[in-house]
Amino acid sequence: MINVLKNQDENLIVVRAHGGLEKNDFEKINPVLEEFSKNSNQIKLFIELEEISNIQPDALMEDMRSYLRYNDAIKQIAVVGNKDWERIFTRLSEPFVSAEVRYFPESRSLEALNWIES
């Protein structure tokens, strides 16, 4: 499941993901990215991964399509998680986006928030 929170004043989109993730979860992000990209090319994504149990392959494809579709509008992506595979997946996505991408362990989530808000 994905929850999307937004703060247009700061061009900040907060995504909280937990449990099993499916394509329709990632489709929740696209309308928000579309809305923000109309007004700014400085979008910041703060993504919190909590107890991800599985990700469907079509969900991964939708995630990558979103990044490619809004690539020019996204400036920074902070990913906060606590699993090695989350860190690895974050690093693997870097070549596909022009945004600055950083992974932070859950214990450094405040540092991640400070970075994305700077």
N, C-alpha and C. Protein backbone atom coordinates (compact mmCIF):
# COMPACT_ATOMS: atom_id res chain seq x y z
N MET A 1 0.83 -1.18 0.00
CA MET A 1 0.00 0.00 0.00
C MET A 1 0.88 1.24 0.00
N ILE A 2 0.45 2.25 -0.72
CA ILE A 2 1.17 3.52 -0.80
C ILE A 2 0.24 4.64 -0.38
N ASN A 3 0.76 5.52 0.47
CA ASN A 3 0.07 6.76 0.83
C ASN A 3 0.90 7.90 0.30
N VAL A 4 0.24 8.89 -0.30
CA VAL A 4 0.93 10.04 -0.87
C VAL A 4 0.47 11.29 -0.14
N LEU A 5 1.43 12.04 0.39
CA LEU A 5 1.17 13.32 1.04
C LEU A 5 1.91 14.38 0.23
N LYS A 6 1.38 15.60 0.20
CA LYS A 6 2.04 16.61 -0.61
C LYS A 6 2.09 17.94 0.11
N ASN A 7 3.15 18.69 -0.21
CA ASN A 7 3.33 20.04 0.29
C ASN A 7 3.78 20.88 -0.90
N GLN A 8 2.84 21.51 -1.58
CA GLN A 8 3.18 22.25 -2.80
C GLN A 8 4.05 23.46 -2.53
N ASP A 9 3.94 24.04 -1.34
CA ASP A 9 4.78 25.20 -1.04
C ASP A 9 6.26 24.85 -1.13
N GLU A 10 6.60 23.64 -0.79
CA GLU A 10 8.00 23.22 -0.82
C GLU A 10 8.29 22.27 -1.97
N ASN A 11 7.33 22.08 -2.87
CA ASN A 11 7.49 21.13 -3.98
C ASN A 11 7.86 19.73 -3.48
N LEU A 12 7.34 19.37 -2.32
CA LEU A 12 7.69 18.11 -1.67
C LEU A 12 6.53 17.13 -1.73
N ILE A 13 6.84 15.93 -2.19
CA ILE A 13 5.88 14.83 -2.19
C ILE A 13 6.45 13.75 -1.27
N VAL A 14 5.65 13.36 -0.29
CA VAL A 14 6.05 12.31 0.64
C VAL A 14 5.27 11.05 0.28
N VAL A 15 6.00 9.96 0.07
CA VAL A 15 5.40 8.68 -0.27
C VAL A 15 5.75 7.69 0.83
N ARG A 16 4.71 7.11 1.44
CA ARG A 16 4.91 6.09 2.46
C ARG A 16 4.42 4.77 1.90
N ALA A 17 5.33 3.83 1.77
CA ALA A 17 4.99 2.53 1.20
C ALA A 17 5.18 1.45 2.26
N HIS A 18 4.21 0.56 2.35
CA HIS A 18 4.34 -0.56 3.29
C HIS A 18 3.54 -1.76 2.79
N GLY A 19 3.97 -2.92 3.23
CA GLY A 19 3.29 -4.16 2.84
C GLY A 19 3.59 -4.55 1.41
N GLY A 20 2.65 -5.22 0.78
CA GLY A 20 2.79 -5.61 -0.62
C GLY A 20 2.44 -4.46 -1.54
N LEU A 21 3.21 -4.31 -2.61
CA LEU A 21 2.99 -3.20 -3.53
C LEU A 21 2.58 -3.73 -4.90
N GLU A 22 1.51 -3.13 -5.44
CA GLU A 22 0.99 -3.51 -6.74
C GLU A 22 0.99 -2.29 -7.67
N LYS A 23 0.73 -2.54 -8.93
CA LYS A 23 0.75 -1.47 -9.94
C LYS A 23 -0.17 -0.32 -9.55
N ASN A 24 -1.37 -0.63 -9.06
CA ASN A 24 -2.32 0.44 -8.73
C ASN A 24 -1.81 1.32 -7.58
N ASP A 25 -0.93 0.79 -6.74
CA ASP A 25 -0.32 1.62 -5.70
C ASP A 25 0.54 2.71 -6.33
N PHE A 26 1.34 2.34 -7.30
CA PHE A 26 2.22 3.31 -7.95
C PHE A 26 1.43 4.29 -8.82
N GLU A 27 0.29 3.86 -9.30
CA GLU A 27 -0.55 4.75 -10.10
C GLU A 27 -1.11 5.91 -9.27
N LYS A 28 -1.09 5.80 -7.95
CA LYS A 28 -1.54 6.89 -7.08
C LYS A 28 -0.57 8.07 -7.13
N ILE A 29 0.67 7.81 -7.45
CA ILE A 29 1.69 8.85 -7.46
C ILE A 29 1.60 9.72 -8.72
N ASN A 30 1.23 9.12 -9.84
CA ASN A 30 1.24 9.84 -11.12
C ASN A 30 0.41 11.12 -11.13
N PRO A 31 -0.83 11.13 -10.63
CA PRO A 31 -1.59 12.38 -10.66
C PRO A 31 -0.93 13.49 -9.83
N VAL A 32 -0.29 13.12 -8.75
CA VAL A 32 0.39 14.11 -7.92
C VAL A 32 1.61 14.65 -8.66
N LEU A 33 2.39 13.77 -9.28
CA LEU A 33 3.53 14.22 -10.07
C LEU A 33 3.08 15.12 -11.22
N GLU A 34 1.99 14.75 -11.86
CA GLU A 34 1.45 15.56 -12.96
C GLU A 34 1.08 16.96 -12.46
N GLU A 35 0.38 17.01 -11.35
CA GLU A 35 -0.03 18.29 -10.76
C GLU A 35 1.17 19.17 -10.42
N PHE A 36 2.16 18.58 -9.76
CA PHE A 36 3.35 19.33 -9.37
C PHE A 36 4.17 19.77 -10.57
N SER A 37 4.29 18.89 -11.58
CA SER A 37 5.15 19.20 -12.73
C SER A 37 4.60 20.35 -13.57
N LYS A 38 3.32 20.65 -13.46
CA LYS A 38 2.74 21.79 -14.18
C LYS A 38 3.25 23.11 -13.62
N ASN A 39 3.65 23.11 -12.34
CA ASN A 39 4.05 24.34 -11.67
C ASN A 39 5.54 24.42 -11.35
N SER A 40 6.25 23.31 -11.48
CA SER A 40 7.65 23.32 -11.06
C SER A 40 8.44 22.22 -11.74
N ASN A 41 9.72 22.48 -11.90
CA ASN A 41 10.64 21.44 -12.35
C ASN A 41 11.65 21.17 -11.24
N GLN A 42 11.22 21.39 -10.02
CA GLN A 42 12.07 21.21 -8.84
C GLN A 42 11.37 20.30 -7.82
N ILE A 43 10.72 19.26 -8.26
CA ILE A 43 10.00 18.36 -7.37
C ILE A 43 10.98 17.55 -6.53
N LYS A 44 10.63 17.40 -5.25
CA LYS A 44 11.43 16.60 -4.33
C LYS A 44 10.55 15.45 -3.83
N LEU A 45 11.09 14.24 -3.90
CA LEU A 45 10.39 13.05 -3.42
C LEU A 45 11.06 12.53 -2.16
N PHE A 46 10.27 12.32 -1.13
CA PHE A 46 10.75 11.70 0.11
C PHE A 46 9.98 10.39 0.24
N ILE A 47 10.68 9.27 0.10
CA ILE A 47 10.04 7.96 0.04
C ILE A 47 10.44 7.15 1.27
N GLU A 48 9.43 6.76 2.05
CA GLU A 48 9.66 5.92 3.23
C GLU A 48 9.18 4.51 2.93
N LEU A 49 10.07 3.54 3.06
CA LEU A 49 9.74 2.14 2.83
C LEU A 49 9.63 1.46 4.20
N GLU A 50 8.46 0.91 4.48
CA GLU A 50 8.22 0.29 5.79
C GLU A 50 7.71 -1.14 5.60
N GLU A 51 8.50 -2.09 6.02
CA GLU A 51 8.08 -3.49 6.00
C GLU A 51 7.49 -3.92 4.66
N ILE A 52 8.23 -3.68 3.60
CA ILE A 52 7.79 -4.09 2.27
C ILE A 52 7.87 -5.62 2.20
N SER A 53 6.73 -6.25 1.95
CA SER A 53 6.71 -7.71 1.91
C SER A 53 6.92 -8.26 0.50
N ASN A 54 6.43 -7.55 -0.50
CA ASN A 54 6.68 -7.95 -1.89
C ASN A 54 6.29 -6.81 -2.83
N ILE A 55 6.86 -6.86 -4.01
CA ILE A 55 6.54 -5.88 -5.06
C ILE A 55 6.25 -6.66 -6.34
N GLN A 56 5.09 -6.46 -6.89
CA GLN A 56 4.72 -7.13 -8.13
C GLN A 56 5.57 -6.57 -9.28
N PRO A 57 5.96 -7.41 -10.25
CA PRO A 57 6.77 -6.92 -11.38
C PRO A 57 6.15 -5.75 -12.14
N ASP A 58 4.82 -5.79 -12.34
CA ASP A 58 4.20 -4.67 -13.06
C ASP A 58 4.22 -3.40 -12.22
N ALA A 59 4.33 -3.54 -10.91
CA ALA A 59 4.46 -2.36 -10.04
C ALA A 59 5.83 -1.72 -10.24
N LEU A 60 6.87 -2.54 -10.37
CA LEU A 60 8.21 -2.01 -10.63
C LEU A 60 8.25 -1.27 -11.97
N MET A 61 7.59 -1.82 -12.96
CA MET A 61 7.56 -1.18 -14.27
C MET A 61 6.83 0.16 -14.20
N GLU A 62 5.74 0.22 -13.48
CA GLU A 62 5.00 1.47 -13.33
C GLU A 62 5.83 2.51 -12.59
N ASP A 63 6.58 2.07 -11.59
CA ASP A 63 7.46 2.95 -10.84
C ASP A 63 8.50 3.57 -11.78
N MET A 64 9.14 2.76 -12.59
CA MET A 64 10.15 3.26 -13.51
C MET A 64 9.53 4.17 -14.58
N ARG A 65 8.34 3.83 -15.07
CA ARG A 65 7.65 4.69 -16.04
C ARG A 65 7.39 6.07 -15.45
N SER A 66 7.01 6.11 -14.18
CA SER A 66 6.74 7.40 -13.52
C SER A 66 8.01 8.24 -13.48
N TYR A 67 9.11 7.62 -13.09
CA TYR A 67 10.38 8.36 -13.02
C TYR A 67 10.77 8.87 -14.40
N LEU A 68 10.61 8.05 -15.41
CA LEU A 68 10.98 8.48 -16.76
C LEU A 68 10.04 9.58 -17.28
N ARG A 69 8.77 9.46 -17.00
CA ARG A 69 7.79 10.44 -17.47
C ARG A 69 8.03 11.82 -16.85
N TYR A 70 8.42 11.86 -15.59
CA TYR A 70 8.60 13.12 -14.88
C TYR A 70 10.06 13.40 -14.56
N ASN A 71 10.93 12.78 -15.31
CA ASN A 71 12.37 12.87 -15.07
C ASN A 71 12.88 14.31 -15.00
N ASP A 72 12.43 15.14 -15.92
CA ASP A 72 12.91 16.52 -15.95
C ASP A 72 12.39 17.38 -14.81
N ALA A 73 11.30 16.97 -14.20
CA ALA A 73 10.69 17.76 -13.13
C ALA A 73 11.19 17.37 -11.73
N ILE A 74 11.73 16.16 -11.60
CA ILE A 74 12.15 15.68 -10.28
C ILE A 74 13.61 16.07 -10.04
N LYS A 75 13.84 16.81 -8.96
CA LYS A 75 15.18 17.30 -8.63
C LYS A 75 15.90 16.39 -7.65
N GLN A 76 15.21 15.95 -6.62
CA GLN A 76 15.83 15.13 -5.58
C GLN A 76 14.90 14.00 -5.17
N ILE A 77 15.52 12.87 -4.81
CA ILE A 77 14.77 11.73 -4.28
C ILE A 77 15.53 11.20 -3.07
N ALA A 78 14.86 11.20 -1.93
CA ALA A 78 15.42 10.60 -0.72
C ALA A 78 14.61 9.34 -0.43
N VAL A 79 15.30 8.23 -0.27
CA VAL A 79 14.65 6.96 0.04
C VAL A 79 15.11 6.52 1.42
N VAL A 80 14.15 6.24 2.29
CA VAL A 80 14.45 5.79 3.64
C VAL A 80 13.94 4.37 3.80
N GLY A 81 14.81 3.48 4.22
CA GLY A 81 14.42 2.08 4.40
C GLY A 81 15.30 1.40 5.42
N ASN A 82 15.14 0.09 5.53
CA ASN A 82 15.95 -0.64 6.49
C ASN A 82 16.40 -2.01 6.00
N LYS A 83 16.30 -2.22 4.70
CA LYS A 83 16.70 -3.51 4.13
C LYS A 83 17.79 -3.29 3.08
N ASP A 84 18.72 -4.25 2.98
CA ASP A 84 19.79 -4.16 1.99
C ASP A 84 19.25 -4.07 0.57
N TRP A 85 18.20 -4.86 0.26
CA TRP A 85 17.68 -4.86 -1.10
C TRP A 85 17.07 -3.51 -1.46
N GLU A 86 16.54 -2.77 -0.47
CA GLU A 86 16.00 -1.44 -0.74
C GLU A 86 17.12 -0.47 -1.12
N ARG A 87 18.23 -0.58 -0.42
CA ARG A 87 19.40 0.25 -0.74
C ARG A 87 19.92 -0.09 -2.13
N ILE A 88 20.01 -1.37 -2.44
CA ILE A 88 20.51 -1.81 -3.75
C ILE A 88 19.56 -1.35 -4.86
N PHE A 89 18.26 -1.52 -4.66
CA PHE A 89 17.29 -1.09 -5.67
C PHE A 89 17.39 0.41 -5.92
N THR A 90 17.58 1.17 -4.84
CA THR A 90 17.73 2.62 -4.98
C THR A 90 18.95 2.95 -5.83
N ARG A 91 20.05 2.29 -5.57
CA ARG A 91 21.27 2.54 -6.35
C ARG A 91 21.08 2.13 -7.81
N LEU A 92 20.37 1.04 -8.04
CA LEU A 92 20.14 0.59 -9.42
C LEU A 92 19.27 1.57 -10.21
N SER A 93 18.44 2.33 -9.55
CA SER A 93 17.56 3.27 -10.25
C SER A 93 18.27 4.55 -10.66
N GLU A 94 19.42 4.84 -10.05
CA GLU A 94 20.12 6.10 -10.30
C GLU A 94 20.40 6.39 -11.78
N PRO A 95 20.82 5.42 -12.58
CA PRO A 95 21.11 5.74 -13.99
C PRO A 95 19.87 6.13 -14.80
N PHE A 96 18.68 5.83 -14.30
CA PHE A 96 17.46 6.07 -15.06
C PHE A 96 16.79 7.41 -14.74
N VAL A 97 17.31 8.12 -13.76
CA VAL A 97 16.71 9.41 -13.38
C VAL A 97 17.80 10.47 -13.34
N SER A 98 17.41 11.69 -13.67
CA SER A 98 18.38 12.78 -13.63
C SER A 98 18.45 13.41 -12.25
N ALA A 99 17.50 13.08 -11.39
CA ALA A 99 17.47 13.62 -10.03
C ALA A 99 18.64 13.09 -9.20
N GLU A 100 19.01 13.86 -8.20
CA GLU A 100 19.97 13.38 -7.22
C GLU A 100 19.23 12.42 -6.30
N VAL A 101 19.73 11.20 -6.19
CA VAL A 101 19.07 10.15 -5.41
C VAL A 101 19.98 9.74 -4.27
N ARG A 102 19.41 9.68 -3.07
CA ARG A 102 20.16 9.21 -1.90
C ARG A 102 19.32 8.24 -1.09
N TYR A 103 19.99 7.22 -0.60
CA TYR A 103 19.35 6.25 0.29
C TYR A 103 19.82 6.51 1.72
N PHE A 104 18.89 6.44 2.65
CA PHE A 104 19.20 6.63 4.06
C PHE A 104 18.60 5.47 4.85
N PRO A 105 19.39 4.89 5.77
CA PRO A 105 18.79 3.89 6.66
C PRO A 105 17.76 4.57 7.56
N GLU A 106 16.82 3.78 8.03
CA GLU A 106 15.73 4.31 8.85
C GLU A 106 16.24 5.12 10.05
N SER A 107 17.37 4.72 10.60
CA SER A 107 17.94 5.42 11.76
C SER A 107 18.39 6.85 11.41
N ARG A 108 18.50 7.16 10.11
CA ARG A 108 18.93 8.49 9.67
C ARG A 108 17.81 9.22 8.92
N SER A 109 16.56 8.92 9.24
CA SER A 109 15.44 9.52 8.52
C SER A 109 15.37 11.03 8.71
N LEU A 110 15.76 11.54 9.87
CA LEU A 110 15.77 12.99 10.08
C LEU A 110 16.79 13.65 9.18
N GLU A 111 17.95 13.02 9.02
CA GLU A 111 18.97 13.53 8.10
C GLU A 111 18.43 13.54 6.65
N ALA A 112 17.69 12.50 6.28
CA ALA A 112 17.09 12.43 4.95
C ALA A 112 16.10 13.57 4.74
N LEU A 113 15.29 13.82 5.74
CA LEU A 113 14.32 14.91 5.64
C LEU A 113 15.01 16.27 5.55
N ASN A 114 16.05 16.48 6.33
CA ASN A 114 16.81 17.74 6.26
C ASN A 114 17.45 17.90 4.89
N TRP A 115 17.97 16.82 4.33
CA TRP A 115 18.60 16.89 3.00
C TRP A 115 17.57 17.26 1.93
N ILE A 116 16.42 16.60 1.96
CA ILE A 116 15.42 16.83 0.91
C ILE A 116 14.80 18.23 1.03
N GLU A 117 14.77 18.78 2.23
CA GLU A 117 14.20 20.11 2.42
C GLU A 117 15.20 21.24 2.16
N SER A 118 16.48 20.89 1.98
CA SER A 118 17.51 21.93 1.77
C SER A 118 17.48 22.47 0.36
